[in-house]
Amino acid sequence: MNINSIDISLPDSLEINENLKDFVLQQQLYRAAIKEIKTKLEILDEEFQVKYDHNPIHHMEYRLKSPKSIAEKMERKGLELSADSIRKNLTDIAGVRVICNYLTDINRIATLLLRQDDISLIRKNDYISNPKANGYRSLHLIVLVPIFLAERTESVPVEIQIRTIAMDFWASLEHQLKYKSHSDISEGLRNRLKSCADSITNLDEEMQLIYKEINSGICLDE
């Protein structure tokens, strides 16, 4: 996703006031926060490759919530549509998704990032140890990162989702299926999706074991 472009359109039912226009102009803060987190993660990944010949990060994706989406979320929550209210109540405007190769890479990346002095953890939701009812698995972090401007420093929240390739595969397809359906998904289909999530968990665990055995010089098939 191109983080330098944003959608400035809003629903017709929502009035664009001066406060919201001011907030749109401040989107640069959230773009800068994404860049800061992206750079930190890239450096960690490169260092790990040099030291251990392993890249824990397969790839990363970025998302900057559009003003239209922000306004709709504020309306759903019954909150005032102003720049101050948005900054106080929304922590997922800037988003970074980290796709890791193996299960152990998830906590490794989270630990290394949170160890940095200028990163503050606001909230952590571990949906890997405690999956959602539908089978969704991912590690969610809300962090504050400092953005140094010409005349001040701003602490900006960023939502970071860290998951394996398999978890991301399931979550992406489940999201598409859920939002393409014009009616509620049946209980039978929900059970099948949950079964797929369980299978993917087993796959992640098996691939982790295979990776560990190969890198420890032990292969049971030899």
C-alpha atoms as a PDB file:
ATOM      1  CA  MET A   1       0.000   0.000   0.000  1.00  0.00           C
ATOM      2  CA  ASN A   2       1.228   3.480  -0.848  1.00  0.00           C
ATOM      3  CA  ILE A   3       1.383   5.257   2.491  1.00  0.00           C
ATOM      4  CA  ASN A   4       1.984   8.611   0.806  1.00  0.00           C
ATOM      5  CA  SER A   5      -1.541   8.796  -0.622  1.00  0.00           C
ATOM      6  CA  ILE A   6      -4.731   9.106   1.400  1.00  0.00           C
ATOM      7  CA  ASP A   7      -8.416   9.182   0.579  1.00  0.00           C
ATOM      8  CA  ILE A   8      -9.838  12.502   1.742  1.00  0.00           C
ATOM      9  CA  SER A   9     -13.446  11.717   0.810  1.00  0.00           C
ATOM     10  CA  LEU A  10     -16.080  11.458   3.538  1.00  0.00           C
ATOM     11  CA  PRO A  11     -19.620  10.081   3.661  1.00  0.00           C
ATOM     12  CA  ASP A  12     -22.194  12.610   2.456  1.00  0.00           C
ATOM     13  CA  SER A  13     -24.001  12.325   5.782  1.00  0.00           C
ATOM     14  CA  LEU A  14     -20.964  13.558   7.702  1.00  0.00           C
ATOM     15  CA  GLU A  15     -20.174  17.256   7.793  1.00  0.00           C
ATOM     16  CA  ILE A  16     -16.544  18.188   7.156  1.00  0.00           C
ATOM     17  CA  ASN A  17     -15.708  20.710   9.848  1.00  0.00           C
ATOM     18  CA  GLU A  18     -12.559  22.719  10.342  1.00  0.00           C
ATOM     19  CA  ASN A  19     -11.296  20.373  13.059  1.00  0.00           C
ATOM     20  CA  LEU A  20     -11.440  17.380  10.738  1.00  0.00           C
ATOM     21  CA  LYS A  21      -9.735  19.300   7.951  1.00  0.00           C
ATOM     22  CA  ASP A  22      -6.995  20.097  10.439  1.00  0.00           C
ATOM     23  CA  PHE A  23      -6.710  16.414  11.280  1.00  0.00           C
ATOM     24  CA  VAL A  24      -6.388  15.478   7.593  1.00  0.00           C
ATOM     25  CA  LEU A  25      -3.427  17.842   7.367  1.00  0.00           C
ATOM     26  CA  GLN A  26      -1.867  16.047  10.341  1.00  0.00           C
ATOM     27  CA  GLN A  27      -1.954  12.682   8.584  1.00  0.00           C
ATOM     28  CA  GLN A  28       1.758  13.241   7.986  1.00  0.00           C
ATOM     29  CA  LEU A  29       2.353  12.327  11.635  1.00  0.00           C
ATOM     30  CA  TYR A  30       0.843   8.883  11.111  1.00  0.00           C
ATOM     31  CA  ARG A  31       2.688   8.358   7.834  1.00  0.00           C
ATOM     32  CA  ALA A  32       5.909   9.266   9.645  1.00  0.00           C
ATOM     33  CA  ALA A  33       5.081   6.823  12.461  1.00  0.00           C
ATOM     34  CA  ILE A  34       4.616   4.009   9.951  1.00  0.00           C
ATOM     35  CA  LYS A  35       7.976   4.845   8.389  1.00  0.00           C
ATOM     36  CA  GLU A  36       9.663   4.847  11.802  1.00  0.00           C
ATOM     37  CA  ILE A  37       8.295   1.417  12.751  1.00  0.00           C
ATOM     38  CA  LYS A  38       9.054   0.045   9.284  1.00  0.00           C
ATOM     39  CA  THR A  39      12.669   1.207   9.502  1.00  0.00           C
ATOM     40  CA  LYS A  40      13.136  -0.215  13.006  1.00  0.00           C
ATOM     41  CA  LEU A  41      11.794  -3.606  11.924  1.00  0.00           C
ATOM     42  CA  GLU A  42      13.901  -3.675   8.763  1.00  0.00           C
ATOM     43  CA  ILE A  43      17.049  -2.960  10.795  1.00  0.00           C
ATOM     44  CA  LEU A  44      16.220  -5.745  13.261  1.00  0.00           C
ATOM     45  CA  ASP A  45      15.563  -8.179  10.425  1.00  0.00           C
ATOM     46  CA  GLU A  46      18.825  -7.291   8.679  1.00  0.00           C
ATOM     47  CA  GLU A  47      20.815  -7.606  11.907  1.00  0.00           C
ATOM     48  CA  PHE A  48      19.319 -11.037  12.555  1.00  0.00           C
ATOM     49  CA  GLN A  49      20.237 -12.138   9.041  1.00  0.00           C
ATOM     50  CA  VAL A  50      23.854 -11.069   9.530  1.00  0.00           C
ATOM     51  CA  LYS A  51      24.197 -12.670  12.982  1.00  0.00           C
ATOM     52  CA  TYR A  52      22.161 -15.847  12.562  1.00  0.00           C
ATOM     53  CA  ASP A  53      21.665 -16.304   8.805  1.00  0.00           C
ATOM     54  CA  HIS A  54      17.917 -16.086   9.276  1.00  0.00           C
ATOM     55  CA  ASN A  55      15.338 -13.449   8.411  1.00  0.00           C
ATOM     56  CA  PRO A  56      12.495 -13.614  10.958  1.00  0.00           C
ATOM     57  CA  ILE A  57      10.383 -11.272   8.801  1.00  0.00           C
ATOM     58  CA  HIS A  58       9.001 -12.655   5.543  1.00  0.00           C
ATOM     59  CA  HIS A  59       7.441  -9.333   4.519  1.00  0.00           C
ATOM     60  CA  MET A  60       5.569  -6.326   5.891  1.00  0.00           C
ATOM     61  CA  GLU A  61       2.401  -4.479   4.913  1.00  0.00           C
ATOM     62  CA  TYR A  62       1.290  -0.975   5.863  1.00  0.00           C
ATOM     63  CA  ARG A  63      -2.055   0.732   6.219  1.00  0.00           C
ATOM     64  CA  LEU A  64      -3.040   4.329   6.893  1.00  0.00           C
ATOM     65  CA  LYS A  65      -6.732   4.554   7.802  1.00  0.00           C
ATOM     66  CA  SER A  66      -8.493   6.985   5.472  1.00  0.00           C
ATOM     67  CA  PRO A  67     -10.384  10.031   6.795  1.00  0.00           C
ATOM     68  CA  LYS A  68     -13.591   8.405   5.512  1.00  0.00           C
ATOM     69  CA  SER A  69     -12.945   5.254   7.531  1.00  0.00           C
ATOM     70  CA  ILE A  70     -11.955   7.331  10.565  1.00  0.00           C
ATOM     71  CA  ALA A  71     -15.155   9.365  10.384  1.00  0.00           C
ATOM     72  CA  GLU A  72     -17.306   6.232  10.049  1.00  0.00           C
ATOM     73  CA  LYS A  73     -15.629   4.616  13.059  1.00  0.00           C
ATOM     74  CA  MET A  74     -16.065   7.747  15.175  1.00  0.00           C
ATOM     75  CA  GLU A  75     -19.738   7.858  14.185  1.00  0.00           C
ATOM     76  CA  ARG A  76     -20.222   4.181  15.131  1.00  0.00           C
ATOM     77  CA  LYS A  77     -18.685   4.861  18.538  1.00  0.00           C
ATOM     78  CA  GLY A  78     -20.836   7.944  19.053  1.00  0.00           C
ATOM     79  CA  LEU A  79     -17.764  10.138  19.488  1.00  0.00           C
ATOM     80  CA  GLU A  80     -17.200  13.752  18.553  1.00  0.00           C
ATOM     81  CA  LEU A  81     -15.720  14.152  15.083  1.00  0.00           C
ATOM     82  CA  SER A  82     -12.786  16.429  15.840  1.00  0.00           C
ATOM     83  CA  ALA A  83      -9.016  16.225  15.576  1.00  0.00           C
ATOM     84  CA  ASP A  84      -8.560  16.083  19.358  1.00  0.00           C
ATOM     85  CA  SER A  85     -11.221  13.407  19.805  1.00  0.00           C
ATOM     86  CA  ILE A  86      -9.756  11.285  17.020  1.00  0.00           C
ATOM     87  CA  ARG A  87      -6.259  11.438  18.496  1.00  0.00           C
ATOM     88  CA  LYS A  88      -7.567  10.521  21.956  1.00  0.00           C
ATOM     89  CA  ASN A  89      -9.868   7.680  20.933  1.00  0.00           C
ATOM     90  CA  LEU A  90      -8.333   5.935  17.916  1.00  0.00           C
ATOM     91  CA  THR A  91      -5.072   4.013  18.155  1.00  0.00           C
ATOM     92  CA  ASP A  92      -5.278   2.116  14.854  1.00  0.00           C
ATOM     93  CA  ILE A  93      -4.985   4.946  12.326  1.00  0.00           C
ATOM     94  CA  ALA A  94      -1.432   3.856  11.488  1.00  0.00           C
ATOM     95  CA  GLY A  95      -1.046   0.115  11.014  1.00  0.00           C
ATOM     96  CA  VAL A  96       1.877  -2.194  10.284  1.00  0.00           C
ATOM     97  CA  ARG A  97       1.441  -5.909   9.631  1.00  0.00           C
ATOM     98  CA  VAL A  98       4.522  -8.089  10.093  1.00  0.00           C
ATOM     99  CA  ILE A  99       4.442 -11.494   8.421  1.00  0.00           C
ATOM    100  CA  CYS A 100       6.931 -13.900   9.989  1.00  0.00           C
ATOM    101  CA  ASN A 101       8.272 -17.212   8.763  1.00  0.00           C
ATOM    102  CA  TYR A 102       7.927 -19.208  11.981  1.00  0.00           C
ATOM    103  CA  LEU A 103       6.052 -19.100  15.274  1.00  0.00           C
ATOM    104  CA  THR A 104       9.138 -18.298  17.333  1.00  0.00           C
ATOM    105  CA  ASP A 105       9.852 -15.315  15.071  1.00  0.00           C
ATOM    106  CA  ILE A 106       6.685 -13.590  16.287  1.00  0.00           C
ATOM    107  CA  ASN A 107       7.702 -13.155  19.928  1.00  0.00           C
ATOM    108  CA  ARG A 108      11.311 -12.595  18.876  1.00  0.00           C
ATOM    109  CA  ILE A 109      10.376  -9.576  16.752  1.00  0.00           C
ATOM    110  CA  ALA A 110       7.956  -8.219  19.377  1.00  0.00           C
ATOM    111  CA  THR A 111      10.546  -8.536  22.153  1.00  0.00           C
ATOM    112  CA  LEU A 112      13.326  -6.878  20.155  1.00  0.00           C
ATOM    113  CA  LEU A 113      11.089  -3.982  19.109  1.00  0.00           C
ATOM    114  CA  LEU A 114       9.676  -3.344  22.588  1.00  0.00           C
ATOM    115  CA  ARG A 115      13.184  -3.422  24.055  1.00  0.00           C
ATOM    116  CA  GLN A 116      14.012  -0.173  22.250  1.00  0.00           C
ATOM    117  CA  ASP A 117      14.092   2.860  24.545  1.00  0.00           C
ATOM    118  CA  ASP A 118      11.898   5.102  22.412  1.00  0.00           C
ATOM    119  CA  ILE A 119       9.072   2.574  21.971  1.00  0.00           C
ATOM    120  CA  SER A 120       6.302   2.511  24.592  1.00  0.00           C
ATOM    121  CA  LEU A 121       3.826  -0.355  24.771  1.00  0.00           C
ATOM    122  CA  ILE A 122       0.232   0.805  25.247  1.00  0.00           C
ATOM    123  CA  ARG A 123      -1.628  -2.465  24.779  1.00  0.00           C
ATOM    124  CA  LYS A 124      -0.892  -6.082  23.887  1.00  0.00           C
ATOM    125  CA  ASN A 125      -3.454  -8.639  22.707  1.00  0.00           C
ATOM    126  CA  ASP A 126      -2.103 -12.153  22.238  1.00  0.00           C
ATOM    127  CA  TYR A 127      -4.565 -13.907  19.935  1.00  0.00           C
ATOM    128  CA  ILE A 128      -2.053 -16.706  19.383  1.00  0.00           C
ATOM    129  CA  SER A 129      -2.074 -18.013  22.943  1.00  0.00           C
ATOM    130  CA  ASN A 130      -5.750 -17.024  23.194  1.00  0.00           C
ATOM    131  CA  PRO A 131      -7.308 -17.232  19.703  1.00  0.00           C
ATOM    132  CA  LYS A 132     -10.579 -15.517  18.910  1.00  0.00           C
ATOM    133  CA  ALA A 133     -13.687 -17.696  18.791  1.00  0.00           C
ATOM    134  CA  ASN A 134     -13.597 -17.847  14.978  1.00  0.00           C
ATOM    135  CA  GLY A 135     -10.010 -19.168  14.996  1.00  0.00           C
ATOM    136  CA  TYR A 136      -8.216 -15.876  14.284  1.00  0.00           C
ATOM    137  CA  ARG A 137      -4.615 -15.847  15.496  1.00  0.00           C
ATOM    138  CA  SER A 138      -2.195 -12.925  15.603  1.00  0.00           C
ATOM    139  CA  LEU A 139      -0.187 -10.873  18.091  1.00  0.00           C
ATOM    140  CA  HIS A 140      -1.437  -7.288  18.314  1.00  0.00           C
ATOM    141  CA  LEU A 141       0.587  -4.449  19.794  1.00  0.00           C
ATOM    142  CA  ILE A 142      -0.315  -0.787  20.195  1.00  0.00           C
ATOM    143  CA  VAL A 143       2.873   1.220  20.630  1.00  0.00           C
ATOM    144  CA  LEU A 144       3.805   4.878  20.846  1.00  0.00           C
ATOM    145  CA  VAL A 145       6.678   6.060  18.673  1.00  0.00           C
ATOM    146  CA  PRO A 146       8.184   9.584  18.887  1.00  0.00           C
ATOM    147  CA  ILE A 147       8.065  11.717  15.758  1.00  0.00           C
ATOM    148  CA  PHE A 148      10.563  14.570  15.794  1.00  0.00           C
ATOM    149  CA  LEU A 149       9.221  17.630  14.005  1.00  0.00           C
ATOM    150  CA  ALA A 150      10.822  21.018  13.388  1.00  0.00           C
ATOM    151  CA  GLU A 151       9.371  22.616  16.520  1.00  0.00           C
ATOM    152  CA  ARG A 152       8.093  19.755  18.685  1.00  0.00           C
ATOM    153  CA  THR A 153       8.054  16.009  19.285  1.00  0.00           C
ATOM    154  CA  GLU A 154       4.812  14.028  18.968  1.00  0.00           C
ATOM    155  CA  SER A 155       4.169  10.540  20.342  1.00  0.00           C
ATOM    156  CA  VAL A 156       2.074   8.732  17.752  1.00  0.00           C
ATOM    157  CA  PRO A 157       0.266   5.393  18.236  1.00  0.00           C
ATOM    158  CA  VAL A 158       0.796   2.566  15.759  1.00  0.00           C
ATOM    159  CA  GLU A 159      -1.034  -0.752  15.660  1.00  0.00           C
ATOM    160  CA  ILE A 160       1.309  -3.647  14.871  1.00  0.00           C
ATOM    161  CA  GLN A 161      -0.017  -7.070  13.923  1.00  0.00           C
ATOM    162  CA  ILE A 162       2.532  -9.890  13.926  1.00  0.00           C
ATOM    163  CA  ARG A 163       1.614 -13.291  12.506  1.00  0.00           C
ATOM    164  CA  THR A 164       2.971 -16.193  10.457  1.00  0.00           C
ATOM    165  CA  ILE A 165       2.468 -16.675   6.723  1.00  0.00           C
ATOM    166  CA  ALA A 166      -0.135 -19.350   7.454  1.00  0.00           C
ATOM    167  CA  MET A 167      -2.033 -17.152   9.924  1.00  0.00           C
ATOM    168  CA  ASP A 168      -2.056 -14.310   7.413  1.00  0.00           C
ATOM    169  CA  PHE A 169      -3.316 -16.620   4.660  1.00  0.00           C
ATOM    170  CA  TRP A 170      -6.262 -17.704   6.804  1.00  0.00           C
ATOM    171  CA  ALA A 171      -7.063 -14.200   8.101  1.00  0.00           C
ATOM    172  CA  SER A 172      -7.001 -12.650   4.623  1.00  0.00           C
ATOM    173  CA  LEU A 173      -9.323 -15.239   3.106  1.00  0.00           C
ATOM    174  CA  GLU A 174     -11.658 -15.260   6.128  1.00  0.00           C
ATOM    175  CA  HIS A 175     -11.916 -11.465   5.889  1.00  0.00           C
ATOM    176  CA  GLN A 176     -12.761 -11.623   2.181  1.00  0.00           C
ATOM    177  CA  LEU A 177     -15.376 -14.327   2.686  1.00  0.00           C
ATOM    178  CA  LYS A 178     -16.996 -12.481   5.582  1.00  0.00           C
ATOM    179  CA  TYR A 179     -17.338  -9.188   3.761  1.00  0.00           C
ATOM    180  CA  LYS A 180     -18.332 -10.650   0.395  1.00  0.00           C
ATOM    181  CA  SER A 181     -21.251 -12.442   2.036  1.00  0.00           C
ATOM    182  CA  HIS A 182     -24.473 -10.405   1.996  1.00  0.00           C
ATOM    183  CA  SER A 183     -25.895 -12.458   4.866  1.00  0.00           C
ATOM    184  CA  ASP A 184     -24.624 -13.966   8.087  1.00  0.00           C
ATOM    185  CA  ILE A 185     -22.325 -16.943   7.562  1.00  0.00           C
ATOM    186  CA  SER A 186     -23.999 -20.170   8.610  1.00  0.00           C
ATOM    187  CA  GLU A 187     -22.938 -22.102  11.677  1.00  0.00           C
ATOM    188  CA  GLY A 188     -21.666 -24.899   9.446  1.00  0.00           C
ATOM    189  CA  LEU A 189     -19.392 -22.565   7.495  1.00  0.00           C
ATOM    190  CA  ARG A 190     -18.137 -20.949  10.681  1.00  0.00           C
ATOM    191  CA  ASN A 191     -17.208 -24.400  11.999  1.00  0.00           C
ATOM    192  CA  ARG A 192     -15.382 -25.212   8.764  1.00  0.00           C
ATOM    193  CA  LEU A 193     -13.425 -21.941   8.924  1.00  0.00           C
ATOM    194  CA  LYS A 194     -12.526 -22.681  12.539  1.00  0.00           C
ATOM    195  CA  SER A 195     -11.381 -26.171  11.499  1.00  0.00           C
ATOM    196  CA  CYS A 196      -9.168 -24.601   8.824  1.00  0.00           C
ATOM    197  CA  ALA A 197      -7.670 -22.284  11.446  1.00  0.00           C
ATOM    198  CA  ASP A 198      -6.887 -25.280  13.668  1.00  0.00           C
ATOM    199  CA  SER A 199      -5.239 -27.073  10.730  1.00  0.00           C
ATOM    200  CA  ILE A 200      -3.110 -24.023  10.003  1.00  0.00           C
ATOM    201  CA  THR A 201      -2.023 -23.930  13.645  1.00  0.00           C
ATOM    202  CA  ASN A 202      -0.900 -27.544  13.373  1.00  0.00           C
ATOM    203  CA  LEU A 203       0.958 -26.677  10.160  1.00  0.00           C
ATOM    204  CA  ASP A 204       2.764 -23.775  11.856  1.00  0.00           C
ATOM    205  CA  GLU A 205       3.826 -26.011  14.740  1.00  0.00           C
ATOM    206  CA  GLU A 206       5.060 -28.774  12.423  1.00  0.00           C
ATOM    207  CA  MET A 207       7.022 -26.357  10.213  1.00  0.00           C
ATOM    208  CA  GLN A 208       8.605 -24.889  13.351  1.00  0.00           C
ATOM    209  CA  LEU A 209       9.721 -28.372  14.456  1.00  0.00           C
ATOM    210  CA  ILE A 210      11.125 -29.179  11.003  1.00  0.00           C
ATOM    211  CA  TYR A 211      13.030 -25.892  10.945  1.00  0.00           C
ATOM    212  CA  LYS A 212      14.427 -26.554  14.429  1.00  0.00           C
ATOM    213  CA  GLU A 213      15.536 -30.100  13.537  1.00  0.00           C
ATOM    214  CA  ILE A 214      17.223 -28.988  10.309  1.00  0.00           C
ATOM    215  CA  ASN A 215      19.089 -26.172  12.018  1.00  0.00           C
ATOM    216  CA  SER A 216      20.186 -28.346  14.929  1.00  0.00           C
ATOM    217  CA  GLY A 217      21.595 -30.934  12.549  1.00  0.00           C
ATOM    218  CA  ILE A 218      18.978 -33.513  13.585  1.00  0.00           C
ATOM    219  CA  CYS A 219      16.647 -34.953  10.965  1.00  0.00           C
ATOM    220  CA  LEU A 220      14.587 -37.943  12.012  1.00  0.00           C
ATOM    221  CA  ASP A 221      14.186 -39.129   8.414  1.00  0.00           C
ATOM    222  CA  GLU A 222      17.943 -39.600   7.917  1.00  0.00           C
END
